[in-house]
Amino acid sequence: MPAIDPAFPRPLIAVLVLLPALWLLYRAFSGRKPMPRWLNVPIVILRLAVLGLIAVILLNPVEPVARQVPDFSTLFLVDRSASMELGPDGGSTRFPEARGWMDENTSLLKQASIRPPLVATFSSGLDEPVNSAAMETLRADGAATNLAAALNALAAAGSPPDHIHVISDGCIHDRADLSKAIGRLRSTGSTISTHTVGGDYPPRNAWISRGDAPRIVRPG
């Protein structure tokens, strides 16, 4: 028997169906008979069938459907370089912002009955995997942002996750090797996406790389 999800409370549905049915039976078999008794029977049956159909619609029978969730693995790869500790004066830095984004999306995945993502950090290379509780106490104090090295380490592990989501402020130090690292992971079937955090307004990690002085200086 299928489960039901009634549109109204069950007692109300019973009243809405039974009262018209009783009134119909009373009118059909008592009082004046404008038509032969044998003709009343099929008419009453048809009207009762209509009331029964209305009752079924109001009771709203449902059938639960089991959905098999695919075995899909996701990795949040979080930048742990020192630049992730930058932020506006008196405001949150980039690393807590990354943690908040991860917590929000992990909750959405759980609501969709999808396996919670794994979490790993990187700086000069790929760090050991961590859990959500460890991320609360972890600090962004890495010496570099070598994303290509971290992706190469994941590919070398032999069974990289199906999807890798990189969370970083975008200051990649080994950018020259990044295309090859991404291609290596894609050849294993993994996909990569990114989420950037933070902003430099005004720039906080800018530097002077060159200064040119005029060749001739005239007095006055």
Protein backbone atom coordinates (compact mmCIF):
# COMPACT_ATOMS: atom_id res chain seq x y z
CA MET A 1 0.00 0.00 0.00
CA PRO A 2 1.53 3.35 -1.00
CA ALA A 3 2.18 6.02 1.59
CA ILE A 4 0.00 9.13 1.58
CA ASP A 5 0.80 12.81 1.89
CA PRO A 6 -2.65 14.41 2.33
CA ALA A 7 -3.25 17.95 1.13
CA PHE A 8 -5.54 18.59 4.15
CA PRO A 9 -5.91 16.94 7.58
CA ARG A 10 -7.42 13.47 7.29
CA PRO A 11 -10.53 14.23 9.43
CA LEU A 12 -11.33 17.19 7.16
CA ILE A 13 -11.00 15.02 4.04
CA ALA A 14 -13.30 12.41 5.62
CA VAL A 15 -15.95 15.06 6.31
CA LEU A 16 -15.65 16.54 2.80
CA VAL A 17 -16.22 13.11 1.22
CA LEU A 18 -18.62 11.34 3.60
CA LEU A 19 -21.17 14.14 3.96
CA PRO A 20 -21.80 14.45 0.18
CA ALA A 21 -21.92 10.63 -0.07
CA LEU A 22 -24.57 10.35 2.67
CA TRP A 23 -26.58 13.18 1.13
CA LEU A 24 -26.36 11.47 -2.27
CA LEU A 25 -27.62 8.15 -0.88
CA TYR A 26 -30.47 9.86 0.93
CA ARG A 27 -31.57 11.72 -2.20
CA ALA A 28 -31.32 8.59 -4.34
CA PHE A 29 -33.39 6.20 -2.21
CA SER A 30 -35.85 8.43 -0.38
CA GLY A 31 -38.34 11.11 -1.29
CA ARG A 32 -39.68 11.54 -4.79
CA LYS A 33 -38.54 9.12 -7.48
CA PRO A 34 -38.44 11.04 -10.80
CA MET A 35 -36.91 8.00 -12.53
CA PRO A 36 -37.16 4.21 -12.16
CA ARG A 37 -35.34 2.68 -9.18
CA TRP A 38 -33.16 0.50 -11.42
CA LEU A 39 -31.82 3.65 -13.10
CA ASN A 40 -30.86 5.21 -9.76
CA VAL A 41 -28.32 2.49 -9.00
CA PRO A 42 -25.79 3.17 -11.84
CA ILE A 43 -26.14 6.94 -11.32
CA VAL A 44 -25.38 6.58 -7.61
CA ILE A 45 -22.42 4.32 -8.36
CA LEU A 46 -20.96 6.86 -10.80
CA ARG A 47 -21.38 9.72 -8.32
CA LEU A 48 -19.82 7.70 -5.52
CA ALA A 49 -16.92 6.85 -7.84
CA VAL A 50 -16.37 10.57 -8.47
CA LEU A 51 -16.35 11.22 -4.71
CA GLY A 52 -13.89 8.36 -4.25
CA LEU A 53 -11.60 9.83 -6.92
CA ILE A 54 -11.71 13.21 -5.17
CA ALA A 55 -10.80 11.49 -1.89
CA VAL A 56 -7.81 9.78 -3.53
CA ILE A 57 -6.61 13.09 -4.99
CA LEU A 58 -6.89 14.83 -1.60
CA LEU A 59 -5.10 11.99 0.19
CA ASN A 60 -2.26 12.32 -2.36
CA PRO A 61 -0.72 8.81 -2.39
CA VAL A 62 3.03 8.80 -2.94
CA GLU A 63 5.59 6.12 -3.68
CA PRO A 64 9.08 6.54 -2.17
CA VAL A 65 11.86 6.27 -4.72
CA ALA A 66 15.33 5.14 -3.67
CA ARG A 67 18.10 7.00 -5.50
CA GLN A 68 21.58 5.57 -5.58
CA VAL A 69 24.18 8.26 -5.04
CA PRO A 70 27.19 7.86 -7.34
CA ASP A 71 30.52 7.19 -5.70
CA PHE A 72 31.93 10.65 -6.40
CA SER A 73 34.86 12.10 -4.45
CA THR A 74 35.64 15.79 -4.03
CA LEU A 75 38.72 17.48 -2.58
CA PHE A 76 38.92 21.03 -1.26
CA LEU A 77 42.55 22.09 -1.83
CA VAL A 78 43.17 25.17 0.31
CA ASP A 79 46.02 27.64 -0.10
CA ARG A 80 47.99 27.91 3.18
CA SER A 81 50.57 30.47 2.05
CA ALA A 82 51.28 33.56 4.17
CA SER A 83 49.33 35.83 1.80
CA MET A 84 46.13 34.08 2.93
CA GLU A 85 46.51 35.88 6.28
CA LEU A 86 46.05 39.27 4.61
CA GLY A 87 42.81 41.15 5.07
CA PRO A 88 41.31 44.57 5.74
CA ASP A 89 42.16 46.32 8.98
CA GLY A 90 39.94 44.93 11.71
CA GLY A 91 38.28 42.48 9.31
CA SER A 92 38.47 38.80 8.53
CA THR A 93 41.49 37.48 6.65
CA ARG A 94 41.41 35.28 3.58
CA PHE A 95 42.03 31.99 5.38
CA PRO A 96 38.92 32.20 7.63
CA GLU A 97 36.97 33.31 4.55
CA ALA A 98 38.08 30.12 2.80
CA ARG A 99 37.03 28.03 5.81
CA GLY A 100 33.60 29.65 5.86
CA TRP A 101 33.08 28.95 2.17
CA MET A 102 34.09 25.31 2.67
CA ASP A 103 31.72 24.85 5.62
CA GLU A 104 28.80 26.32 3.67
CA ASN A 105 29.34 24.10 0.62
CA THR A 106 30.00 20.99 2.71
CA SER A 107 26.60 21.51 4.34
CA LEU A 108 24.94 21.79 0.91
CA LEU A 109 26.59 18.56 -0.26
CA LYS A 110 25.38 16.73 2.85
CA GLN A 111 21.82 17.96 2.25
CA ALA A 112 22.03 16.51 -1.27
CA SER A 113 23.20 13.16 0.19
CA ILE A 114 26.59 13.54 -1.51
CA ARG A 115 29.72 12.34 0.23
CA PRO A 116 31.39 15.19 2.18
CA PRO A 117 34.57 16.46 0.50
CA LEU A 118 38.08 15.70 1.63
CA VAL A 119 40.25 18.65 2.71
CA ALA A 120 43.95 19.22 2.06
CA THR A 121 46.17 22.30 2.16
CA PHE A 122 49.19 23.34 0.13
CA SER A 123 51.94 25.94 0.23
CA SER A 124 55.42 24.93 -0.96
CA GLY A 125 53.87 21.58 -1.84
CA LEU A 126 50.96 19.34 -0.89
CA ASP A 127 50.37 19.03 2.86
CA GLU A 128 48.89 16.08 4.69
CA PRO A 129 45.06 15.78 4.53
CA VAL A 130 43.20 17.47 7.39
CA ASN A 131 39.64 17.43 8.71
CA SER A 132 37.27 20.32 9.38
CA ALA A 133 38.15 20.47 13.08
CA ALA A 134 41.87 20.74 12.32
CA MET A 135 41.20 23.56 9.84
CA GLU A 136 39.88 25.71 12.69
CA THR A 137 43.30 25.79 14.37
CA LEU A 138 45.48 25.74 11.25
CA ARG A 139 47.29 28.95 10.32
CA ALA A 140 48.29 30.22 6.89
CA ASP A 141 52.04 30.51 7.34
CA GLY A 142 53.42 28.72 4.28
CA ALA A 143 56.47 30.08 2.50
CA ALA A 144 55.14 29.82 -1.08
CA THR A 145 52.08 29.09 -3.23
CA ASN A 146 53.17 26.18 -5.42
CA LEU A 147 49.86 24.97 -6.80
CA ALA A 148 51.47 23.02 -9.66
CA ALA A 149 53.59 21.05 -7.18
CA ALA A 150 50.49 20.20 -5.13
CA LEU A 151 48.55 19.04 -8.21
CA ASN A 152 51.50 16.93 -9.38
CA ALA A 153 51.61 15.29 -5.95
CA LEU A 154 47.90 14.42 -6.21
CA ALA A 155 48.41 12.92 -9.67
CA ALA A 156 51.42 10.93 -8.46
CA ALA A 157 49.33 9.41 -5.65
CA GLY A 158 47.70 7.15 -8.24
CA SER A 159 44.01 7.72 -7.44
CA PRO A 160 43.25 11.46 -7.39
CA PRO A 161 39.73 12.63 -6.45
CA ASP A 162 37.09 12.98 -9.16
CA HIS A 163 36.89 16.72 -8.58
CA ILE A 164 39.47 19.09 -7.08
CA HIS A 165 38.30 22.51 -5.95
CA VAL A 166 41.21 24.92 -5.39
CA ILE A 167 40.59 27.73 -2.89
CA SER A 168 43.27 30.42 -3.09
CA ASP A 169 43.95 34.13 -3.42
CA GLY A 170 45.46 33.51 -6.85
CA CYS A 171 49.12 34.37 -6.18
CA ILE A 172 50.67 31.25 -7.77
CA HIS A 173 54.48 31.01 -7.72
CA ASP A 174 54.99 28.03 -10.05
CA ARG A 175 52.62 29.25 -12.74
CA ALA A 176 54.96 28.07 -15.52
CA ASP A 177 54.35 24.42 -14.54
CA LEU A 178 50.63 24.79 -13.88
CA SER A 179 49.33 23.85 -17.35
CA LYS A 180 51.23 20.55 -17.38
CA ALA A 181 50.04 19.69 -13.87
CA ILE A 182 46.40 20.37 -14.80
CA GLY A 183 46.74 18.31 -17.98
CA ARG A 184 48.23 15.42 -16.02
CA LEU A 185 45.27 15.37 -13.63
CA ARG A 186 42.71 15.67 -16.42
CA SER A 187 44.24 12.65 -18.13
CA THR A 188 43.27 10.61 -15.04
CA GLY A 189 39.64 11.79 -15.26
CA SER A 190 39.80 14.47 -12.55
CA THR A 191 38.25 17.90 -13.04
CA ILE A 192 39.50 21.11 -11.44
CA SER A 193 37.67 24.28 -10.46
CA THR A 194 38.67 27.32 -8.42
CA HIS A 195 37.27 29.72 -5.86
CA THR A 196 39.19 32.91 -5.16
CA VAL A 197 39.15 34.70 -1.82
CA GLY A 198 40.29 38.13 -0.72
CA GLY A 199 41.10 41.30 -2.59
CA ASP A 200 43.91 43.85 -2.57
CA TYR A 201 42.33 47.29 -2.36
CA PRO A 202 44.74 49.00 -1.88
CA PRO A 203 47.40 46.42 -2.83
CA ARG A 204 49.06 44.90 0.24
CA ASN A 205 51.50 42.54 -1.44
CA ALA A 206 52.89 44.84 -4.14
CA TRP A 207 56.56 45.59 -4.53
CA ILE A 208 58.89 47.66 -6.73
CA SER A 209 60.67 45.39 -9.15
CA ARG A 210 62.58 48.07 -11.08
CA GLY A 211 63.39 51.76 -10.99
CA ASP A 212 64.68 53.81 -13.94
CA ALA A 213 66.41 57.14 -13.27
CA PRO A 214 66.80 59.80 -16.00
CA ARG A 215 70.17 59.84 -17.75
CA ILE A 216 70.52 63.63 -17.67
CA VAL A 217 69.63 65.83 -14.73
CA ARG A 218 69.49 69.56 -15.37
CA PRO A 219 69.80 72.02 -12.49
CA GLY A 220 66.99 74.38 -11.68
